[in-house]
Amino acid sequence: MKLSIPAITVALAGLAVTAACFAQGPREMPRTKGQPQVPPPAPSPPSAAAAPAQPGWVARCSSASRDAPLECAMEQSAVLTKTGQLVALVNIRVPGDTRSPIALVQLPLGLNLQAPAKLQVDEGKSVELPVQTCESRGCYATVPVSPEMLNAMKSGKQLKIIFQDLAKETIAIPMSLADFSAGYDKIK
């Protein structure tokens, strides 16, 4: 079967319209006579106030080659239960050369960068997180984990990541420290 150029163009245009319809998402069904029209629910914007779910601390070790030293890290993330959107992530890594733990914290976009982000164990002293860069997935801060902070995390119940949003409201993301000590023993 031989198709002409106009027939191919029409077929491709039909595919483009069909693809555009699917990309727009579900459409409202036409209402029948006597049936009230119910608007679809409006999507709610993600908010840090929604309950974040935490899977717990996960430990991993890897190396660049068989001869290279192991690089070990553990991390926990907080995600919104309704959307699965990542709110925050804490990664504790122990470099093979220094053996001193370092925390990398991923924060959501929309931070007030004028106010420092902080890490706090239970109601103890907070540690400032200097935000170093932001990209499409979030903002990042790295800070060495002092022996005092490490001991507090091992014996504490909750780690809080504290920051301000653009409206200058303080947001605290809680993360459980229940299995932190066991996870840290695997990576040290």
N, C-alpha and C. Protein backbone atom coordinates (compact mmCIF):
# COMPACT_ATOMS: atom_id res chain seq x y z
N MET A 1 0.85 -1.17 0.00
CA MET A 1 0.00 0.00 0.00
C MET A 1 0.89 1.23 0.00
N LYS A 2 0.62 2.13 -0.92
CA LYS A 2 1.43 3.33 -1.05
C LYS A 2 0.64 4.52 -0.54
N LEU A 3 1.23 5.30 0.39
CA LEU A 3 0.57 6.49 0.93
C LEU A 3 1.21 7.73 0.35
N SER A 4 0.39 8.71 0.12
CA SER A 4 0.91 9.98 -0.39
C SER A 4 1.40 10.82 0.78
N ILE A 5 2.20 11.84 0.48
CA ILE A 5 2.72 12.74 1.50
C ILE A 5 1.59 13.39 2.31
N PRO A 6 0.51 13.91 1.68
CA PRO A 6 -0.58 14.49 2.49
C PRO A 6 -1.23 13.47 3.42
N ALA A 7 -1.36 12.21 2.99
CA ALA A 7 -1.97 11.19 3.85
C ALA A 7 -1.09 10.90 5.06
N ILE A 8 0.23 10.85 4.87
CA ILE A 8 1.16 10.63 5.97
C ILE A 8 1.10 11.80 6.94
N THR A 9 1.04 13.03 6.40
CA THR A 9 0.97 14.23 7.23
C THR A 9 -0.29 14.22 8.09
N VAL A 10 -1.42 13.84 7.49
CA VAL A 10 -2.68 13.78 8.24
C VAL A 10 -2.59 12.71 9.32
N ALA A 11 -2.00 11.56 9.01
CA ALA A 11 -1.87 10.49 10.00
C ALA A 11 -0.98 10.93 11.16
N LEU A 12 0.13 11.57 10.86
CA LEU A 12 1.03 12.06 11.92
C LEU A 12 0.37 13.13 12.76
N ALA A 13 -0.40 14.01 12.12
CA ALA A 13 -1.12 15.06 12.86
C ALA A 13 -2.13 14.42 13.80
N GLY A 14 -2.80 13.35 13.36
CA GLY A 14 -3.75 12.64 14.21
C GLY A 14 -3.07 12.01 15.41
N LEU A 15 -1.87 11.44 15.20
CA LEU A 15 -1.10 10.88 16.31
C LEU A 15 -0.69 11.97 17.29
N ALA A 16 -0.30 13.12 16.78
CA ALA A 16 0.11 14.23 17.65
C ALA A 16 -1.05 14.70 18.50
N VAL A 17 -2.25 14.80 17.91
CA VAL A 17 -3.43 15.22 18.67
C VAL A 17 -3.75 14.18 19.73
N THR A 18 -3.69 12.90 19.37
CA THR A 18 -3.96 11.84 20.33
C THR A 18 -2.95 11.88 21.48
N ALA A 19 -1.67 12.05 21.16
CA ALA A 19 -0.64 12.13 22.20
C ALA A 19 -0.87 13.33 23.09
N ALA A 20 -1.26 14.46 22.51
CA ALA A 20 -1.50 15.66 23.31
C ALA A 20 -2.68 15.44 24.25
N CYS A 21 -3.70 14.73 23.80
CA CYS A 21 -4.85 14.45 24.65
C CYS A 21 -4.45 13.60 25.85
N PHE A 22 -3.61 12.56 25.60
CA PHE A 22 -3.15 11.73 26.70
C PHE A 22 -2.24 12.51 27.63
N ALA A 23 -1.42 13.41 27.12
CA ALA A 23 -0.50 14.19 27.95
C ALA A 23 -1.24 15.15 28.86
N GLN A 24 -2.45 15.58 28.44
CA GLN A 24 -3.21 16.52 29.26
C GLN A 24 -3.86 15.84 30.45
N GLY A 25 -3.92 14.55 30.46
CA GLY A 25 -4.52 13.84 31.59
C GLY A 25 -5.97 13.52 31.33
N PRO A 26 -6.65 12.99 32.34
CA PRO A 26 -8.03 12.57 32.15
C PRO A 26 -8.94 13.76 31.90
N ARG A 27 -9.89 13.56 31.02
CA ARG A 27 -10.85 14.60 30.72
C ARG A 27 -12.14 14.32 31.46
N GLU A 28 -12.91 15.37 31.64
CA GLU A 28 -14.19 15.25 32.30
C GLU A 28 -15.18 14.60 31.35
N MET A 29 -15.97 13.68 31.85
CA MET A 29 -16.98 13.01 31.03
C MET A 29 -18.13 13.99 30.80
N PRO A 30 -18.74 13.98 29.61
CA PRO A 30 -19.88 14.87 29.39
C PRO A 30 -21.03 14.47 30.31
N ARG A 31 -21.72 15.47 30.82
CA ARG A 31 -22.80 15.13 31.74
C ARG A 31 -24.06 14.84 30.95
N THR A 32 -24.84 13.98 31.54
CA THR A 32 -26.11 13.64 30.92
C THR A 32 -27.18 14.55 31.50
N LYS A 33 -28.31 14.60 30.82
CA LYS A 33 -29.39 15.49 31.22
C LYS A 33 -29.87 15.13 32.63
N GLY A 34 -29.99 16.13 33.49
CA GLY A 34 -30.47 15.93 34.84
C GLY A 34 -29.39 15.54 35.84
N GLN A 35 -28.19 15.30 35.39
CA GLN A 35 -27.10 14.91 36.29
C GLN A 35 -26.25 16.13 36.60
N PRO A 36 -26.03 16.46 37.89
CA PRO A 36 -25.20 17.63 38.21
C PRO A 36 -23.75 17.38 37.83
N GLN A 37 -23.11 18.45 37.37
CA GLN A 37 -21.69 18.33 37.01
C GLN A 37 -20.84 18.55 38.25
N VAL A 38 -19.99 17.59 38.54
CA VAL A 38 -19.11 17.67 39.70
C VAL A 38 -17.71 17.98 39.19
N PRO A 39 -17.13 19.10 39.64
CA PRO A 39 -15.78 19.42 39.16
C PRO A 39 -14.78 18.42 39.72
N PRO A 40 -13.72 18.14 38.94
CA PRO A 40 -12.69 17.22 39.45
C PRO A 40 -11.97 17.86 40.62
N PRO A 41 -11.47 17.05 41.56
CA PRO A 41 -10.76 17.63 42.70
C PRO A 41 -9.50 18.36 42.24
N ALA A 42 -9.27 19.51 42.84
CA ALA A 42 -8.08 20.29 42.49
C ALA A 42 -6.86 19.64 43.09
N PRO A 43 -5.75 19.55 42.33
CA PRO A 43 -4.55 18.96 42.90
C PRO A 43 -4.02 19.85 44.01
N SER A 44 -3.66 19.22 45.12
CA SER A 44 -3.13 20.01 46.23
C SER A 44 -1.62 20.14 46.07
N PRO A 45 -1.09 21.34 46.31
CA PRO A 45 0.36 21.52 46.20
C PRO A 45 1.05 20.77 47.32
N PRO A 46 2.24 20.24 47.05
CA PRO A 46 2.95 19.54 48.12
C PRO A 46 3.29 20.51 49.24
N SER A 47 3.14 20.04 50.46
CA SER A 47 3.46 20.89 51.60
C SER A 47 4.24 20.07 52.61
N ALA A 48 5.15 20.72 53.27
CA ALA A 48 5.96 20.02 54.27
C ALA A 48 5.13 19.65 55.49
N ALA A 49 3.93 20.24 55.62
CA ALA A 49 3.09 19.92 56.76
C ALA A 49 2.46 18.54 56.61
N ALA A 50 2.38 18.03 55.38
CA ALA A 50 1.85 16.68 55.18
C ALA A 50 2.80 15.68 55.84
N ALA A 51 2.26 14.59 56.27
CA ALA A 51 3.07 13.62 57.01
C ALA A 51 4.13 12.98 56.12
N PRO A 52 5.41 13.25 56.41
CA PRO A 52 6.44 12.56 55.63
C PRO A 52 6.63 11.14 56.13
N ALA A 53 6.86 10.23 55.20
CA ALA A 53 7.10 8.84 55.56
C ALA A 53 8.59 8.57 55.49
N GLN A 54 9.10 7.85 56.47
CA GLN A 54 10.52 7.50 56.49
C GLN A 54 10.68 6.00 56.52
N PRO A 55 11.50 5.46 55.61
CA PRO A 55 11.74 4.03 55.63
C PRO A 55 12.78 3.59 56.65
N GLY A 56 13.48 4.50 57.29
CA GLY A 56 14.54 4.16 58.22
C GLY A 56 15.91 4.35 57.58
N TRP A 57 16.95 4.11 58.35
CA TRP A 57 18.31 4.30 57.87
C TRP A 57 18.74 3.09 57.05
N VAL A 58 19.27 3.35 55.88
CA VAL A 58 19.74 2.30 54.98
C VAL A 58 21.24 2.47 54.82
N ALA A 59 22.02 1.40 55.07
CA ALA A 59 23.49 1.46 54.97
C ALA A 59 23.95 0.74 53.71
N ARG A 60 24.96 1.34 53.04
CA ARG A 60 25.55 0.75 51.83
C ARG A 60 27.04 1.01 51.80
N CYS A 61 27.80 0.06 51.26
CA CYS A 61 29.24 0.24 51.05
C CYS A 61 29.56 -0.15 49.61
N SER A 62 30.48 0.59 49.01
CA SER A 62 30.92 0.28 47.65
C SER A 62 32.34 0.79 47.47
N SER A 63 32.97 0.34 46.38
CA SER A 63 34.31 0.84 46.05
C SER A 63 34.41 0.98 44.55
N ALA A 64 35.33 1.82 44.11
CA ALA A 64 35.52 2.06 42.69
C ALA A 64 36.11 0.83 41.99
N SER A 65 36.91 0.06 42.71
CA SER A 65 37.50 -1.16 42.15
C SER A 65 37.78 -2.13 43.30
N ARG A 66 38.25 -3.30 42.96
CA ARG A 66 38.55 -4.29 44.00
C ARG A 66 39.70 -3.84 44.90
N ASP A 67 40.61 -3.05 44.34
CA ASP A 67 41.77 -2.59 45.11
C ASP A 67 41.49 -1.31 45.90
N ALA A 68 40.41 -0.61 45.57
CA ALA A 68 40.10 0.66 46.22
C ALA A 68 39.46 0.42 47.58
N PRO A 69 39.66 1.35 48.52
CA PRO A 69 39.02 1.18 49.84
C PRO A 69 37.50 1.34 49.73
N LEU A 70 36.80 0.74 50.67
CA LEU A 70 35.35 0.85 50.69
C LEU A 70 34.92 2.25 51.09
N GLU A 71 33.91 2.77 50.41
CA GLU A 71 33.24 4.02 50.79
C GLU A 71 31.89 3.61 51.33
N CYS A 72 31.62 3.92 52.58
CA CYS A 72 30.37 3.51 53.19
C CYS A 72 29.52 4.72 53.52
N ALA A 73 28.22 4.55 53.41
CA ALA A 73 27.28 5.63 53.72
C ALA A 73 25.97 5.02 54.19
N MET A 74 25.20 5.82 54.90
CA MET A 74 23.85 5.45 55.31
C MET A 74 22.97 6.66 55.08
N GLU A 75 21.72 6.42 54.77
CA GLU A 75 20.84 7.56 54.51
C GLU A 75 19.41 7.25 54.91
N GLN A 76 18.68 8.32 55.11
CA GLN A 76 17.25 8.25 55.38
C GLN A 76 16.61 9.40 54.63
N SER A 77 15.45 9.14 54.07
CA SER A 77 14.75 10.20 53.35
C SER A 77 13.35 10.37 53.93
N ALA A 78 12.83 11.56 53.77
CA ALA A 78 11.46 11.86 54.17
C ALA A 78 10.71 12.19 52.89
N VAL A 79 9.64 11.45 52.63
CA VAL A 79 8.82 11.68 51.44
C VAL A 79 7.38 11.92 51.86
N LEU A 80 6.66 12.68 51.06
CA LEU A 80 5.26 12.92 51.34
C LEU A 80 4.48 11.64 51.04
N THR A 81 3.64 11.22 51.98
CA THR A 81 2.93 9.96 51.82
C THR A 81 1.94 10.01 50.65
N LYS A 82 1.30 11.14 50.42
CA LYS A 82 0.30 11.22 49.36
C LYS A 82 0.91 11.22 47.97
N THR A 83 2.02 11.92 47.79
CA THR A 83 2.58 12.09 46.44
C THR A 83 3.87 11.33 46.20
N GLY A 84 4.54 10.91 47.26
CA GLY A 84 5.84 10.26 47.09
C GLY A 84 6.97 11.24 46.81
N GLN A 85 6.67 12.53 46.91
CA GLN A 85 7.68 13.56 46.65
C GLN A 85 8.71 13.59 47.77
N LEU A 86 9.98 13.63 47.39
CA LEU A 86 11.07 13.72 48.36
C LEU A 86 11.06 15.10 49.00
N VAL A 87 11.02 15.14 50.32
CA VAL A 87 11.06 16.41 51.06
C VAL A 87 12.47 16.69 51.53
N ALA A 88 13.12 15.68 52.09
CA ALA A 88 14.49 15.86 52.59
C ALA A 88 15.19 14.51 52.62
N LEU A 89 16.51 14.58 52.57
CA LEU A 89 17.34 13.37 52.62
C LEU A 89 18.59 13.69 53.42
N VAL A 90 18.96 12.78 54.31
CA VAL A 90 20.20 12.92 55.07
C VAL A 90 21.07 11.72 54.73
N ASN A 91 22.29 11.97 54.30
CA ASN A 91 23.25 10.93 53.95
C ASN A 91 24.48 11.13 54.84
N ILE A 92 24.82 10.11 55.62
CA ILE A 92 26.02 10.15 56.46
C ILE A 92 27.04 9.23 55.79
N ARG A 93 28.18 9.78 55.44
CA ARG A 93 29.21 9.00 54.75
C ARG A 93 30.48 9.02 55.56
N VAL A 94 31.20 7.91 55.53
CA VAL A 94 32.48 7.79 56.21
C VAL A 94 33.54 7.54 55.14
N PRO A 95 34.29 8.58 54.74
CA PRO A 95 35.32 8.39 53.71
C PRO A 95 36.40 7.43 54.20
N GLY A 96 36.90 6.62 53.29
CA GLY A 96 37.91 5.62 53.64
C GLY A 96 39.22 6.23 54.09
N ASP A 97 39.56 7.43 53.59
CA ASP A 97 40.86 8.02 53.95
C ASP A 97 40.85 8.71 55.31
N THR A 98 39.79 9.46 55.65
CA THR A 98 39.79 10.21 56.92
C THR A 98 39.06 9.47 58.04
N ARG A 99 38.11 8.61 57.68
CA ARG A 99 37.27 7.88 58.64
C ARG A 99 36.46 8.81 59.52
N SER A 100 36.31 10.09 59.12
CA SER A 100 35.49 11.06 59.86
C SER A 100 34.17 11.24 59.13
N PRO A 101 33.03 11.05 59.82
CA PRO A 101 31.74 11.12 59.14
C PRO A 101 31.41 12.52 58.63
N ILE A 102 30.73 12.54 57.49
CA ILE A 102 30.29 13.79 56.85
C ILE A 102 28.80 13.62 56.54
N ALA A 103 28.02 14.66 56.80
CA ALA A 103 26.59 14.63 56.49
C ALA A 103 26.33 15.46 55.24
N LEU A 104 25.60 14.87 54.30
CA LEU A 104 25.10 15.58 53.13
C LEU A 104 23.60 15.63 53.30
N VAL A 105 23.04 16.83 53.26
CA VAL A 105 21.60 17.00 53.45
C VAL A 105 21.01 17.60 52.19
N GLN A 106 19.98 16.94 51.66
CA GLN A 106 19.24 17.47 50.52
C GLN A 106 17.96 18.08 51.05
N LEU A 107 17.75 19.35 50.72
CA LEU A 107 16.58 20.10 51.16
C LEU A 107 15.71 20.41 49.95
N PRO A 108 14.44 20.70 50.16
CA PRO A 108 13.57 21.00 49.01
C PRO A 108 13.86 22.38 48.43
N LEU A 109 13.45 22.59 47.20
CA LEU A 109 13.54 23.92 46.60
C LEU A 109 12.56 24.84 47.31
N GLY A 110 12.75 26.14 47.20
CA GLY A 110 11.85 27.09 47.83
C GLY A 110 12.29 27.47 49.23
N LEU A 111 13.59 27.36 49.50
CA LEU A 111 14.13 27.74 50.81
C LEU A 111 14.37 29.24 50.88
N ASN A 112 14.30 29.76 52.08
CA ASN A 112 14.78 31.11 52.32
C ASN A 112 16.27 30.97 52.60
N LEU A 113 17.09 31.29 51.62
CA LEU A 113 18.54 31.09 51.77
C LEU A 113 19.18 32.10 52.71
N GLN A 114 18.44 33.13 53.09
CA GLN A 114 18.96 34.11 54.05
C GLN A 114 19.06 33.52 55.46
N ALA A 115 18.13 32.62 55.78
CA ALA A 115 18.12 31.97 57.10
C ALA A 115 18.82 30.62 56.99
N PRO A 116 19.73 30.32 57.89
CA PRO A 116 20.45 29.04 57.77
C PRO A 116 19.56 27.84 58.08
N ALA A 117 19.77 26.78 57.34
CA ALA A 117 19.13 25.51 57.66
C ALA A 117 19.89 24.89 58.82
N LYS A 118 19.24 24.01 59.58
CA LYS A 118 19.88 23.45 60.78
C LYS A 118 19.53 21.98 60.93
N LEU A 119 20.41 21.26 61.61
CA LEU A 119 20.17 19.89 62.07
C LEU A 119 20.10 19.94 63.59
N GLN A 120 19.14 19.22 64.17
CA GLN A 120 19.01 19.20 65.62
C GLN A 120 18.58 17.81 66.07
N VAL A 121 19.24 17.30 67.09
CA VAL A 121 18.87 16.01 67.67
C VAL A 121 18.04 16.28 68.91
N ASP A 122 16.85 15.69 68.94
CA ASP A 122 15.89 15.90 70.03
C ASP A 122 15.76 17.40 70.31
N GLU A 123 15.99 17.82 71.53
CA GLU A 123 15.90 19.26 71.87
C GLU A 123 17.29 19.84 72.13
N GLY A 124 18.33 19.17 71.66
CA GLY A 124 19.70 19.61 71.89
C GLY A 124 20.12 20.78 71.02
N LYS A 125 21.41 21.04 71.06
CA LYS A 125 22.00 22.14 70.30
C LYS A 125 21.89 21.86 68.81
N SER A 126 21.55 22.88 68.03
CA SER A 126 21.43 22.70 66.58
C SER A 126 22.75 23.03 65.89
N VAL A 127 22.95 22.42 64.74
CA VAL A 127 24.15 22.64 63.92
C VAL A 127 23.70 23.29 62.62
N GLU A 128 24.33 24.40 62.24
CA GLU A 128 23.97 25.08 61.01
C GLU A 128 24.43 24.30 59.79
N LEU A 129 23.59 24.30 58.77
CA LEU A 129 23.89 23.65 57.50
C LEU A 129 24.12 24.72 56.43
N PRO A 130 25.35 24.94 56.03
CA PRO A 130 25.59 25.93 54.98
C PRO A 130 25.15 25.36 53.62
N VAL A 131 24.10 25.94 53.03
CA VAL A 131 23.62 25.50 51.73
C VAL A 131 24.66 25.88 50.69
N GLN A 132 25.13 24.88 49.94
CA GLN A 132 26.20 25.12 48.99
C GLN A 132 25.72 25.30 47.57
N THR A 133 24.68 24.57 47.18
CA THR A 133 24.19 24.68 45.81
C THR A 133 22.75 24.20 45.75
N CYS A 134 22.06 24.63 44.70
CA CYS A 134 20.70 24.16 44.43
C CYS A 134 20.62 23.77 42.96
N GLU A 135 19.82 22.76 42.67
CA GLU A 135 19.56 22.36 41.29
C GLU A 135 18.13 21.86 41.24
N SER A 136 17.72 21.26 40.15
CA SER A 136 16.31 20.92 39.95
C SER A 136 15.75 19.95 41.00
N ARG A 137 16.57 19.15 41.63
CA ARG A 137 16.09 18.19 42.63
C ARG A 137 16.06 18.76 44.04
N GLY A 138 16.74 19.86 44.29
CA GLY A 138 16.75 20.43 45.62
C GLY A 138 18.01 21.21 45.91
N CYS A 139 18.18 21.58 47.17
CA CYS A 139 19.37 22.32 47.62
C CYS A 139 20.19 21.38 48.51
N TYR A 140 21.50 21.59 48.50
CA TYR A 140 22.40 20.67 49.19
C TYR A 140 23.31 21.40 50.17
N ALA A 141 23.53 20.76 51.32
CA ALA A 141 24.44 21.26 52.34
C ALA A 141 25.28 20.10 52.83
N THR A 142 26.54 20.36 53.08
CA THR A 142 27.45 19.35 53.62
C THR A 142 28.08 19.90 54.88
N VAL A 143 28.16 19.06 55.91
CA VAL A 143 28.75 19.48 57.18
C VAL A 143 29.43 18.27 57.82
N PRO A 144 30.63 18.48 58.40
CA PRO A 144 31.25 17.36 59.13
C PRO A 144 30.40 17.03 60.36
N VAL A 145 30.34 15.75 60.69
CA VAL A 145 29.59 15.32 61.88
C VAL A 145 30.59 15.24 63.03
N SER A 146 30.43 16.13 64.00
CA SER A 146 31.34 16.16 65.15
C SER A 146 31.09 14.93 66.03
N PRO A 147 32.08 14.57 66.85
CA PRO A 147 31.87 13.44 67.78
C PRO A 147 30.66 13.68 68.70
N GLU A 148 30.44 14.94 69.13
CA GLU A 148 29.30 15.25 69.99
C GLU A 148 27.98 14.99 69.25
N MET A 149 27.91 15.45 68.00
CA MET A 149 26.70 15.26 67.21
C MET A 149 26.48 13.77 66.93
N LEU A 150 27.54 13.04 66.63
CA LEU A 150 27.44 11.61 66.37
C LEU A 150 26.91 10.87 67.59
N ASN A 151 27.44 11.17 68.77
CA ASN A 151 26.97 10.54 70.01
C ASN A 151 25.50 10.89 70.28
N ALA A 152 25.13 12.15 70.01
CA ALA A 152 23.73 12.55 70.20
C ALA A 152 22.82 11.79 69.25
N MET A 153 23.26 11.58 68.01
CA MET A 153 22.45 10.84 67.04
C MET A 153 22.33 9.37 67.43
N LYS A 154 23.41 8.80 67.97
CA LYS A 154 23.37 7.39 68.38
C LYS A 154 22.41 7.17 69.55
N SER A 155 22.33 8.13 70.47
CA SER A 155 21.48 7.95 71.64
C SER A 155 20.15 8.69 71.54
N GLY A 156 19.97 9.49 70.51
CA GLY A 156 18.75 10.29 70.38
C GLY A 156 17.58 9.52 69.80
N LYS A 157 16.43 10.19 69.84
CA LYS A 157 15.20 9.60 69.30
C LYS A 157 14.82 10.20 67.96
N GLN A 158 15.16 11.50 67.75
CA GLN A 158 14.69 12.17 66.55
C GLN A 158 15.70 13.21 66.05
N LEU A 159 15.93 13.19 64.75
CA LEU A 159 16.76 14.19 64.08
C LEU A 159 15.81 15.12 63.35
N LYS A 160 15.98 16.42 63.54
CA LYS A 160 15.12 17.39 62.85
C LYS A 160 15.96 18.19 61.86
N ILE A 161 15.43 18.34 60.66
CA ILE A 161 16.00 19.24 59.67
C ILE A 161 15.11 20.47 59.70
N ILE A 162 15.70 21.60 60.02
CA ILE A 162 14.93 22.83 60.22
C ILE A 162 15.36 23.85 59.18
N PHE A 163 14.39 24.48 58.52
CA PHE A 163 14.67 25.52 57.54
C PHE A 163 13.46 26.43 57.41
N GLN A 164 13.64 27.53 56.72
CA GLN A 164 12.53 28.46 56.46
C GLN A 164 12.16 28.39 54.99
N ASP A 165 10.83 28.47 54.72
CA ASP A 165 10.40 28.55 53.34
C ASP A 165 10.44 30.02 52.88
N LEU A 166 10.03 30.28 51.66
CA LEU A 166 10.09 31.64 51.13
C LEU A 166 9.17 32.61 51.87
N ALA A 167 8.14 32.08 52.53
CA ALA A 167 7.25 32.93 53.32
C ALA A 167 7.81 33.15 54.73
N LYS A 168 9.04 32.70 54.97
CA LYS A 168 9.75 32.83 56.24
C LYS A 168 9.08 32.06 57.38
N GLU A 169 8.36 30.99 57.02
CA GLU A 169 7.79 30.11 58.03
C GLU A 169 8.81 29.01 58.31
N THR A 170 9.01 28.69 59.57
CA THR A 170 9.96 27.65 59.95
C THR A 170 9.32 26.28 59.76
N ILE A 171 10.05 25.41 59.09
CA ILE A 171 9.59 24.04 58.84
C ILE A 171 10.60 23.10 59.47
N ALA A 172 10.12 22.14 60.21
CA ALA A 172 10.97 21.12 60.84
C ALA A 172 10.55 19.75 60.32
N ILE A 173 11.47 19.05 59.67
CA ILE A 173 11.21 17.71 59.15
C ILE A 173 11.81 16.71 60.15
N PRO A 174 10.99 15.91 60.82
CA PRO A 174 11.52 14.93 61.78
C PRO A 174 11.94 13.64 61.09
N MET A 175 13.04 13.07 61.56
CA MET A 175 13.51 11.77 61.08
C MET A 175 13.86 10.92 62.30
N SER A 176 13.44 9.68 62.26
CA SER A 176 13.68 8.78 63.39
C SER A 176 15.16 8.41 63.48
N LEU A 177 15.65 8.30 64.70
CA LEU A 177 17.01 7.83 64.95
C LEU A 177 16.99 6.45 65.59
N ALA A 178 15.85 5.77 65.53
CA ALA A 178 15.70 4.47 66.20
C ALA A 178 16.76 3.46 65.77
N ASP A 179 17.04 3.36 64.49
CA ASP A 179 18.02 2.38 64.02
C ASP A 179 19.32 3.02 63.54
N PHE A 180 19.56 4.27 63.95
CA PHE A 180 20.77 4.97 63.51
C PHE A 180 22.04 4.29 64.02
N SER A 181 22.10 3.96 65.30
CA SER A 181 23.30 3.39 65.89
C SER A 181 23.70 2.07 65.22
N ALA A 182 22.72 1.20 64.97
CA ALA A 182 23.00 -0.08 64.31
C ALA A 182 23.48 0.15 62.88
N GLY A 183 22.89 1.11 62.18
CA GLY A 183 23.30 1.42 60.82
C GLY A 183 24.70 2.02 60.78
N TYR A 184 25.02 2.87 61.75
CA TYR A 184 26.34 3.48 61.78
C TYR A 184 27.43 2.44 62.07
N ASP A 185 27.11 1.48 62.92
CA ASP A 185 28.07 0.41 63.21
C ASP A 185 28.43 -0.37 61.95
N LYS A 186 27.51 -0.45 60.98
CA LYS A 186 27.78 -1.16 59.73
C LYS A 186 28.73 -0.38 58.79
N ILE A 187 28.73 0.96 58.90
CA ILE A 187 29.51 1.75 57.93
C ILE A 187 30.80 2.31 58.48
N LYS A 188 31.01 2.28 59.80
CA LYS A 188 32.20 2.95 60.36
C LYS A 188 33.48 2.17 60.11
